[in-house]
Amino acid sequence: QLQPVGSGGGLVQPGGSPRLSCAASGAFLKYSTVAWFPQAPEKERQGIACISSLDVSAVYLDSVKGRFTISKENAKNTVYLQMNNLEPDDTAVYYCAARHKLRRECLIAISEYDNWGQGTQVTVSS
């Protein structure tokens, strides 16, 4: 069974550029759609970026377009979320999620994913 594991969070200063990683076991992410879902304190989990299987397409929430980039490194069976110019409002626990299915498109909707990582905390503060 596909099991993603997120990492790379921590304390980041405003304007910082951390990179989150989502490594997987049990299946190849190359053939999976993968997404990132931050959950801020007292707020619902919300998708911000996804990448389709075979890297055909990626989708971003408007609030992160131009700041965040999602990518896959198939040799390491890992998906990354490069985050740039972070703001305090980006503070959240970031969950990666995956679905082992060949699709040309991806959706940043919780219902689309059935394999979830444990979450990694990102805190943006000076």
C-alpha atoms as a PDB file:
ATOM      1  CA  GLN A   1       0.000   0.000   0.000  1.00  0.00           C
ATOM      2  CA  LEU A   2       1.184   3.483  -0.879  1.00  0.00           C
ATOM      3  CA  GLN A   3       2.480   5.227   2.241  1.00  0.00           C
ATOM      4  CA  PRO A   4       3.654   8.845   1.934  1.00  0.00           C
ATOM      5  CA  VAL A   5       5.851  10.477   4.581  1.00  0.00           C
ATOM      6  CA  GLY A   6       6.178  14.250   4.734  1.00  0.00           C
ATOM      7  CA  SER A   7       9.211  16.130   6.049  1.00  0.00           C
ATOM      8  CA  GLY A   8      11.101  19.385   5.792  1.00  0.00           C
ATOM      9  CA  GLY A   9       9.088  21.690   8.006  1.00  0.00           C
ATOM     10  CA  GLY A  10      10.315  23.856  10.845  1.00  0.00           C
ATOM     11  CA  LEU A  11      10.610  27.467  11.938  1.00  0.00           C
ATOM     12  CA  VAL A  12      11.041  29.809   8.977  1.00  0.00           C
ATOM     13  CA  GLN A  13      11.447  33.578   8.889  1.00  0.00           C
ATOM     14  CA  PRO A  14       9.037  35.628   6.759  1.00  0.00           C
ATOM     15  CA  GLY A  15      10.315  35.640   3.203  1.00  0.00           C
ATOM     16  CA  GLY A  16      12.006  32.266   3.678  1.00  0.00           C
ATOM     17  CA  SER A  17      12.076  29.439   1.117  1.00  0.00           C
ATOM     18  CA  PRO A  18      11.871  25.966   2.632  1.00  0.00           C
ATOM     19  CA  ARG A  19      11.295  22.828   0.637  1.00  0.00           C
ATOM     20  CA  LEU A  20       8.983  20.101   1.870  1.00  0.00           C
ATOM     21  CA  SER A  21       9.459  16.494   0.834  1.00  0.00           C
ATOM     22  CA  CYS A  22       6.962  13.681   0.486  1.00  0.00           C
ATOM     23  CA  ALA A  23       8.724  10.343   0.185  1.00  0.00           C
ATOM     24  CA  ALA A  24       6.714   7.227  -0.463  1.00  0.00           C
ATOM     25  CA  SER A  25       6.926   3.491  -0.047  1.00  0.00           C
ATOM     26  CA  GLY A  26       4.680   0.761  -1.358  1.00  0.00           C
ATOM     27  CA  ALA A  27       4.119   2.208  -4.822  1.00  0.00           C
ATOM     28  CA  PHE A  28       5.683   4.517  -7.362  1.00  0.00           C
ATOM     29  CA  LEU A  29       4.730   8.170  -7.111  1.00  0.00           C
ATOM     30  CA  LYS A  30       5.454   8.414 -10.818  1.00  0.00           C
ATOM     31  CA  TYR A  31       2.118   6.678 -11.363  1.00  0.00           C
ATOM     32  CA  SER A  32       0.287   8.570  -8.632  1.00  0.00           C
ATOM     33  CA  THR A  33      -1.339  11.937  -8.218  1.00  0.00           C
ATOM     34  CA  VAL A  34       0.104  13.767  -5.214  1.00  0.00           C
ATOM     35  CA  ALA A  35      -1.052  16.885  -3.408  1.00  0.00           C
ATOM     36  CA  TRP A  36      -0.213  19.081  -0.427  1.00  0.00           C
ATOM     37  CA  PHE A  37      -2.825  20.115   2.129  1.00  0.00           C
ATOM     38  CA  PRO A  38      -1.917  22.618   4.842  1.00  0.00           C
ATOM     39  CA  GLN A  39      -4.064  22.864   7.933  1.00  0.00           C
ATOM     40  CA  ALA A  40      -3.703  26.050   9.938  1.00  0.00           C
ATOM     41  CA  PRO A  41      -4.757  26.213  13.611  1.00  0.00           C
ATOM     42  CA  GLU A  42      -8.546  26.103  13.972  1.00  0.00           C
ATOM     43  CA  LYS A  43      -9.013  25.948  10.195  1.00  0.00           C
ATOM     44  CA  GLU A  44      -9.983  23.204   7.799  1.00  0.00           C
ATOM     45  CA  ARG A  45      -7.414  21.329   5.770  1.00  0.00           C
ATOM     46  CA  GLN A  46      -7.222  22.860   2.282  1.00  0.00           C
ATOM     47  CA  GLY A  47      -5.393  21.726  -0.836  1.00  0.00           C
ATOM     48  CA  ILE A  48      -2.901  24.148  -2.334  1.00  0.00           C
ATOM     49  CA  ALA A  49      -1.051  22.181  -5.006  1.00  0.00           C
ATOM     50  CA  CYS A  50      -1.187  18.860  -6.819  1.00  0.00           C
ATOM     51  CA  ILE A  51       0.711  17.088  -9.565  1.00  0.00           C
ATOM     52  CA  SER A  52      -0.738  14.408 -11.785  1.00  0.00           C
ATOM     53  CA  SER A  53       0.676  10.992 -12.523  1.00  0.00           C
ATOM     54  CA  LEU A  54       3.455  10.970 -15.131  1.00  0.00           C
ATOM     55  CA  ASP A  55       3.877  14.700 -14.309  1.00  0.00           C
ATOM     56  CA  VAL A  56       1.448  15.690 -17.047  1.00  0.00           C
ATOM     57  CA  SER A  57      -0.053  18.625 -15.166  1.00  0.00           C
ATOM     58  CA  ALA A  58      -0.021  20.581 -11.919  1.00  0.00           C
ATOM     59  CA  VAL A  59      -2.661  22.729 -10.232  1.00  0.00           C
ATOM     60  CA  TYR A  60      -2.198  25.494  -7.672  1.00  0.00           C
ATOM     61  CA  LEU A  61      -4.526  27.422  -5.426  1.00  0.00           C
ATOM     62  CA  ASP A  62      -4.519  31.087  -6.443  1.00  0.00           C
ATOM     63  CA  SER A  63      -3.005  32.160  -3.120  1.00  0.00           C
ATOM     64  CA  VAL A  64       0.198  30.208  -3.788  1.00  0.00           C
ATOM     65  CA  LYS A  65       0.562  30.577  -7.565  1.00  0.00           C
ATOM     66  CA  GLY A  66       3.946  32.006  -8.375  1.00  0.00           C
ATOM     67  CA  ARG A  67       5.260  31.313  -4.861  1.00  0.00           C
ATOM     68  CA  PHE A  68       5.035  27.520  -4.540  1.00  0.00           C
ATOM     69  CA  THR A  69       6.142  24.809  -6.967  1.00  0.00           C
ATOM     70  CA  ILE A  70       5.283  21.122  -6.784  1.00  0.00           C
ATOM     71  CA  SER A  71       7.555  18.615  -8.504  1.00  0.00           C
ATOM     72  CA  LYS A  72       8.485  14.937  -8.561  1.00  0.00           C
ATOM     73  CA  GLU A  73      11.877  13.235  -8.454  1.00  0.00           C
ATOM     74  CA  ASN A  74      11.056   9.758  -9.656  1.00  0.00           C
ATOM     75  CA  ALA A  75      14.526   8.351  -8.931  1.00  0.00           C
ATOM     76  CA  LYS A  76      13.913   9.080  -5.232  1.00  0.00           C
ATOM     77  CA  ASN A  77      10.181   8.358  -5.343  1.00  0.00           C
ATOM     78  CA  THR A  78       9.660  11.759  -3.767  1.00  0.00           C
ATOM     79  CA  VAL A  79       7.456  14.782  -4.380  1.00  0.00           C
ATOM     80  CA  TYR A  80       8.630  18.222  -3.320  1.00  0.00           C
ATOM     81  CA  LEU A  81       6.866  21.450  -2.474  1.00  0.00           C
ATOM     82  CA  GLN A  82       9.212  24.378  -2.950  1.00  0.00           C
ATOM     83  CA  MET A  83       7.798  27.301  -1.008  1.00  0.00           C
ATOM     84  CA  ASN A  84       9.113  30.829  -1.593  1.00  0.00           C
ATOM     85  CA  ASN A  85       8.477  34.162   0.064  1.00  0.00           C
ATOM     86  CA  LEU A  86       6.640  32.661   3.002  1.00  0.00           C
ATOM     87  CA  GLU A  87       4.202  34.750   5.014  1.00  0.00           C
ATOM     88  CA  PRO A  88       2.926  34.244   8.580  1.00  0.00           C
ATOM     89  CA  ASP A  89      -0.416  33.121   7.109  1.00  0.00           C
ATOM     90  CA  ASP A  90       1.393  30.129   5.584  1.00  0.00           C
ATOM     91  CA  THR A  91       1.894  28.715   9.094  1.00  0.00           C
ATOM     92  CA  ALA A  92       0.261  25.283   9.182  1.00  0.00           C
ATOM     93  CA  VAL A  93       0.777  21.559   9.404  1.00  0.00           C
ATOM     94  CA  TYR A  94       1.414  20.454   5.824  1.00  0.00           C
ATOM     95  CA  TYR A  95       0.099  17.041   4.819  1.00  0.00           C
ATOM     96  CA  CYS A  96       1.044  15.260   1.631  1.00  0.00           C
ATOM     97  CA  ALA A  97      -1.477  12.896   0.120  1.00  0.00           C
ATOM     98  CA  ALA A  98      -1.358  10.509  -2.802  1.00  0.00           C
ATOM     99  CA  ARG A  99      -3.543   8.296  -4.919  1.00  0.00           C
ATOM    100  CA  HIS A 100      -2.015   5.514  -6.956  1.00  0.00           C
ATOM    101  CA  LYS A 101      -3.917   6.039 -10.189  1.00  0.00           C
ATOM    102  CA  LEU A 102      -3.002   7.037 -13.719  1.00  0.00           C
ATOM    103  CA  ARG A 103      -4.651  10.358 -14.460  1.00  0.00           C
ATOM    104  CA  ARG A 104      -3.658  13.223 -16.728  1.00  0.00           C
ATOM    105  CA  GLU A 105      -5.226  15.755 -14.369  1.00  0.00           C
ATOM    106  CA  CYS A 106      -5.127  16.276 -10.640  1.00  0.00           C
ATOM    107  CA  LEU A 107      -7.528  17.907  -8.213  1.00  0.00           C
ATOM    108  CA  ILE A 108      -6.736  19.637  -4.931  1.00  0.00           C
ATOM    109  CA  ALA A 109      -9.672  18.069  -3.138  1.00  0.00           C
ATOM    110  CA  ILE A 110      -9.431  15.928  -0.014  1.00  0.00           C
ATOM    111  CA  SER A 111     -11.831  13.346  -1.441  1.00  0.00           C
ATOM    112  CA  GLU A 112      -9.415  12.602  -4.290  1.00  0.00           C
ATOM    113  CA  TYR A 113      -6.736  11.076  -2.051  1.00  0.00           C
ATOM    114  CA  ASP A 114      -6.714   7.900  -0.025  1.00  0.00           C
ATOM    115  CA  ASN A 115      -3.141   7.769   1.275  1.00  0.00           C
ATOM    116  CA  TRP A 116      -2.010  10.454   3.716  1.00  0.00           C
ATOM    117  CA  GLY A 117       1.280  11.332   5.353  1.00  0.00           C
ATOM    118  CA  GLN A 118       1.589  12.294   9.008  1.00  0.00           C
ATOM    119  CA  GLY A 119       2.062  16.031   8.442  1.00  0.00           C
ATOM    120  CA  THR A 120       5.007  18.354   8.953  1.00  0.00           C
ATOM    121  CA  GLN A 121       4.765  21.650  10.843  1.00  0.00           C
ATOM    122  CA  VAL A 122       5.793  24.875   9.129  1.00  0.00           C
ATOM    123  CA  THR A 123       5.870  27.966  11.352  1.00  0.00           C
ATOM    124  CA  VAL A 124       6.555  31.343   9.755  1.00  0.00           C
ATOM    125  CA  SER A 125       7.706  33.807  12.355  1.00  0.00           C
ATOM    126  CA  SER A 126      10.457  36.296  13.031  1.00  0.00           C
END
